[in-house]
Amino acid sequence: MTGTHFIINVYKHLGIMEESMKKQAKAAIIKSFKELLTKQSMDKITVKEICENCGVNRQTFYYYYTDIMNIFKVIIFDELSKEIAQNRTLYTWEGGFLATMNYLEKNSKMILHIYHSSYWPEAKSYFANLSERLLSDVVEECVDKMGVILQDKDRTFIVHFYRIVFNGLMLEWINEGMEESPQVILRKLLIMISGSIPRSIAAFVENKVNE
């Protein structure tokens, strides 16, 4: 091995080590934040406390996140999106609903400490936007699979309807302490709503309500 090749390999090795250390630091920050959030209100958590709890400096924290709310959004979006993506099926929103509720139940201490904090209005808005994006994806997939043309106004109406139902039940459940089983809530919801998103799409396409 020539001297040049040796130096190149050293730099590659150092680059890999640096990247690995960055990933470890980011994982440590996330773990620290979640640990603190299970113990206390989000209002009481500071960047300094997160860093001291995991042995990472503030500069490293701000390399990845802008503030406390930003790290919350990143964690929730990444984890919840993965959870729903694994459970969502094309012809039903039930899997996505149940996956979301199960995630919230599994992380109930964190969610309740957010709910009882000044961050909740922003978190509530974030949950609403997240669920709307996910429901929009479901509707889009259904439309493509069914091979129909759905007007934008109808598409928006369907997404908004399911979002209101979805978020309303979720927020009431959180407000009541998340005591009832997500499976029980879903069974009750299915009794109340006779029809899934594909049937709603088919009905709008057939009836052409905007004409």
Protein backbone atom coordinates (compact mmCIF):
# COMPACT_ATOMS: atom_id res chain seq x y z
CA MET A 1 0.00 0.00 0.00
CA THR A 2 1.44 3.37 -1.00
CA GLY A 3 1.60 6.32 1.38
CA THR A 4 -1.18 8.07 -0.55
CA HIS A 5 -3.50 5.07 -0.32
CA PHE A 6 -2.76 4.76 3.38
CA ILE A 7 -3.69 8.40 4.01
CA ILE A 8 -6.88 8.01 1.96
CA ASN A 9 -7.89 4.95 3.95
CA VAL A 10 -7.19 6.75 7.22
CA TYR A 11 -9.43 9.66 6.19
CA LYS A 12 -12.17 7.24 5.12
CA HIS A 13 -11.93 5.48 8.45
CA LEU A 14 -12.06 8.77 10.32
CA GLY A 15 -15.08 9.82 8.26
CA ILE A 16 -16.91 6.61 9.10
CA MET A 17 -16.07 7.04 12.78
CA GLU A 18 -17.29 10.65 12.75
CA GLU A 19 -20.56 9.66 11.07
CA SER A 20 -21.06 6.87 13.60
CA MET A 21 -20.43 9.26 16.50
CA LYS A 22 -22.96 11.73 15.07
CA LYS A 23 -25.62 9.01 14.85
CA GLN A 24 -24.87 7.92 18.41
CA ALA A 25 -25.13 11.51 19.65
CA LYS A 26 -28.46 12.03 17.87
CA ALA A 27 -29.83 8.77 19.28
CA ALA A 28 -28.66 9.79 22.76
CA ILE A 29 -30.45 13.15 22.48
CA ILE A 30 -33.69 11.49 21.41
CA LYS A 31 -33.48 8.91 24.19
CA SER A 32 -32.74 11.62 26.76
CA PHE A 33 -35.68 13.76 25.66
CA LYS A 34 -38.10 10.81 25.74
CA GLU A 35 -36.87 9.74 29.18
CA LEU A 36 -37.40 13.24 30.58
CA LEU A 37 -40.81 13.55 28.92
CA THR A 38 -42.06 10.37 30.61
CA LYS A 39 -41.25 11.93 34.00
CA GLN A 40 -42.37 15.55 33.73
CA SER A 41 -44.33 18.16 31.81
CA MET A 42 -42.81 19.32 28.54
CA ASP A 43 -42.79 22.86 30.01
CA LYS A 44 -40.11 21.81 32.50
CA ILE A 45 -37.73 20.26 29.98
CA THR A 46 -34.82 22.40 28.81
CA VAL A 47 -32.12 21.88 26.20
CA LYS A 48 -29.56 22.07 29.00
CA GLU A 49 -31.29 19.27 30.89
CA ILE A 50 -31.52 17.07 27.78
CA CYS A 51 -27.81 17.51 27.10
CA GLU A 52 -26.73 16.93 30.71
CA ASN A 53 -28.89 13.81 30.88
CA CYS A 54 -27.09 12.19 27.93
CA GLY A 55 -23.63 13.78 28.07
CA VAL A 56 -23.95 15.70 24.80
CA ASN A 57 -23.06 19.38 24.46
CA ARG A 58 -25.59 22.06 23.47
CA GLN A 59 -23.84 22.70 20.16
CA THR A 60 -24.50 19.10 19.14
CA PHE A 61 -28.17 19.44 20.11
CA TYR A 62 -28.61 22.56 17.96
CA TYR A 63 -26.85 20.84 15.08
CA TYR A 64 -29.89 18.55 14.81
CA TYR A 65 -32.76 20.51 16.37
CA THR A 66 -33.80 24.14 16.68
CA ASP A 67 -35.66 23.83 19.99
CA ILE A 68 -37.73 21.54 22.24
CA MET A 69 -40.78 21.59 19.97
CA ASN A 70 -38.67 20.70 16.96
CA ILE A 71 -37.28 17.54 18.54
CA PHE A 72 -40.82 16.55 19.59
CA LYS A 73 -42.10 16.95 16.03
CA VAL A 74 -39.22 15.00 14.52
CA ILE A 75 -39.66 12.10 16.95
CA ILE A 76 -43.43 11.94 16.62
CA PHE A 77 -43.39 12.25 12.83
CA ASP A 78 -40.70 9.61 12.35
CA GLU A 79 -42.11 7.10 14.83
CA LEU A 80 -45.79 7.62 14.13
CA SER A 81 -45.35 7.68 10.36
CA LYS A 82 -43.47 4.37 10.48
CA GLU A 83 -46.09 2.88 12.78
CA ILE A 84 -48.96 3.87 10.51
CA ALA A 85 -47.13 2.91 7.31
CA GLN A 86 -46.69 -0.60 8.66
CA ASN A 87 -50.35 -0.98 9.58
CA ARG A 88 -52.21 0.99 6.91
CA THR A 89 -54.02 -1.00 4.25
CA LEU A 90 -55.26 0.30 0.92
CA TYR A 91 -58.98 -0.26 1.38
CA THR A 92 -59.36 0.83 4.97
CA TRP A 93 -58.27 3.57 7.32
CA GLU A 94 -58.91 1.36 10.36
CA GLY A 95 -55.32 0.09 10.42
CA GLY A 96 -53.92 3.61 10.46
CA PHE A 97 -56.34 4.71 13.16
CA LEU A 98 -55.52 1.73 15.36
CA ALA A 99 -51.78 2.11 14.79
CA THR A 100 -51.94 5.77 15.86
CA MET A 101 -53.97 5.02 18.97
CA ASN A 102 -51.69 2.13 19.91
CA TYR A 103 -48.64 4.37 19.53
CA LEU A 104 -50.19 7.05 21.74
CA GLU A 105 -51.17 4.45 24.33
CA LYS A 106 -47.69 2.93 24.31
CA ASN A 107 -46.25 6.42 24.90
CA SER A 108 -49.08 7.62 27.14
CA LYS A 109 -46.84 9.20 29.79
CA MET A 110 -45.12 11.33 27.18
CA ILE A 111 -48.37 12.29 25.46
CA LEU A 112 -50.09 13.27 28.71
CA HIS A 113 -47.09 15.37 29.77
CA ILE A 114 -47.38 17.19 26.44
CA TYR A 115 -51.16 17.50 26.80
CA HIS A 116 -50.79 19.16 30.21
CA SER A 117 -48.29 21.74 29.00
CA SER A 118 -48.26 25.06 27.14
CA TYR A 119 -46.96 23.18 24.09
CA TRP A 120 -50.27 21.35 23.60
CA PRO A 121 -51.98 23.84 21.20
CA GLU A 122 -49.03 23.59 18.82
CA ALA A 123 -48.81 19.81 19.29
CA LYS A 124 -52.56 19.50 18.64
CA SER A 125 -52.20 21.45 15.40
CA TYR A 126 -49.26 19.26 14.43
CA PHE A 127 -51.25 16.07 15.05
CA ALA A 128 -54.09 17.42 12.91
CA ASN A 129 -51.74 18.25 10.02
CA LEU A 130 -50.01 14.90 10.32
CA SER A 131 -53.25 12.93 10.23
CA GLU A 132 -54.46 14.99 7.26
CA ARG A 133 -51.33 14.19 5.29
CA LEU A 134 -51.63 10.50 6.09
CA LEU A 135 -55.32 10.39 5.22
CA SER A 136 -54.61 12.23 1.98
CA ASP A 137 -52.17 9.47 1.09
CA VAL A 138 -54.81 6.82 1.80
CA VAL A 139 -57.40 8.59 -0.36
CA GLU A 140 -54.87 9.05 -3.18
CA GLU A 141 -53.95 5.36 -3.10
CA CYS A 142 -57.61 4.36 -3.15
CA VAL A 143 -58.38 6.63 -6.11
CA ASP A 144 -55.44 5.21 -8.08
CA LYS A 145 -56.36 1.64 -7.23
CA MET A 146 -60.02 2.14 -8.13
CA GLY A 147 -59.12 3.85 -11.40
CA VAL A 148 -61.62 6.69 -10.91
CA ILE A 149 -61.46 10.47 -11.21
CA LEU A 150 -62.31 12.29 -7.99
CA GLN A 151 -62.74 16.06 -8.05
CA ASP A 152 -60.43 18.05 -5.80
CA LYS A 153 -63.33 19.45 -3.77
CA ASP A 154 -64.63 15.95 -3.08
CA ARG A 155 -61.16 14.67 -2.24
CA THR A 156 -60.70 17.50 0.26
CA PHE A 157 -64.13 16.92 1.78
CA ILE A 158 -63.48 13.20 2.33
CA VAL A 159 -60.07 13.81 3.88
CA HIS A 160 -61.44 16.53 6.17
CA PHE A 161 -64.37 14.38 7.26
CA TYR A 162 -62.19 11.46 8.32
CA ARG A 163 -59.65 13.80 9.91
CA ILE A 164 -62.33 15.44 12.07
CA VAL A 165 -63.64 12.06 13.20
CA PHE A 166 -60.14 10.70 13.68
CA ASN A 167 -58.76 13.66 15.63
CA GLY A 168 -61.96 14.26 17.61
CA LEU A 169 -61.94 10.76 19.04
CA MET A 170 -58.20 10.85 19.64
CA LEU A 171 -58.29 14.17 21.51
CA GLU A 172 -61.26 13.18 23.64
CA TRP A 173 -59.50 9.92 24.49
CA ILE A 174 -56.35 11.78 25.55
CA ASN A 175 -58.42 14.25 27.58
CA GLU A 176 -60.01 11.36 29.47
CA GLY A 177 -56.65 9.90 30.39
CA MET A 178 -56.32 7.32 27.61
CA GLU A 179 -57.97 4.63 29.73
CA GLU A 180 -60.17 2.91 27.14
CA SER A 181 -58.57 0.33 24.86
CA PRO A 182 -57.83 1.56 21.29
CA GLN A 183 -59.41 -1.65 19.98
CA VAL A 184 -62.66 -0.92 21.82
CA ILE A 185 -62.74 2.65 20.47
CA LEU A 186 -62.20 1.36 16.94
CA ARG A 187 -65.03 -1.17 17.28
CA LYS A 188 -67.39 1.58 18.45
CA LEU A 189 -66.26 3.82 15.60
CA LEU A 190 -66.94 1.12 13.03
CA ILE A 191 -70.47 0.73 14.38
CA MET A 192 -71.05 4.47 13.94
CA ILE A 193 -69.54 4.79 10.48
CA SER A 194 -71.02 2.52 7.83
CA GLY A 195 -68.51 2.63 5.02
CA SER A 196 -64.81 3.03 4.43
CA ILE A 197 -62.92 5.57 2.36
CA PRO A 198 -63.22 3.62 -0.93
CA ARG A 199 -67.02 3.45 -0.60
CA SER A 200 -67.08 7.19 0.11
CA ILE A 201 -65.00 7.84 -3.00
CA ALA A 202 -67.26 5.62 -5.11
CA ALA A 203 -70.35 7.42 -3.81
CA PHE A 204 -68.94 10.87 -4.65
CA VAL A 205 -67.85 9.75 -8.11
CA GLU A 206 -71.25 8.20 -8.86
CA ASN A 207 -73.40 11.01 -7.49
CA LYS A 208 -71.32 13.89 -8.86
CA VAL A 209 -72.50 16.19 -6.07
CA ASN A 210 -70.72 19.25 -7.45
CA GLU A 211 -72.80 19.37 -10.65
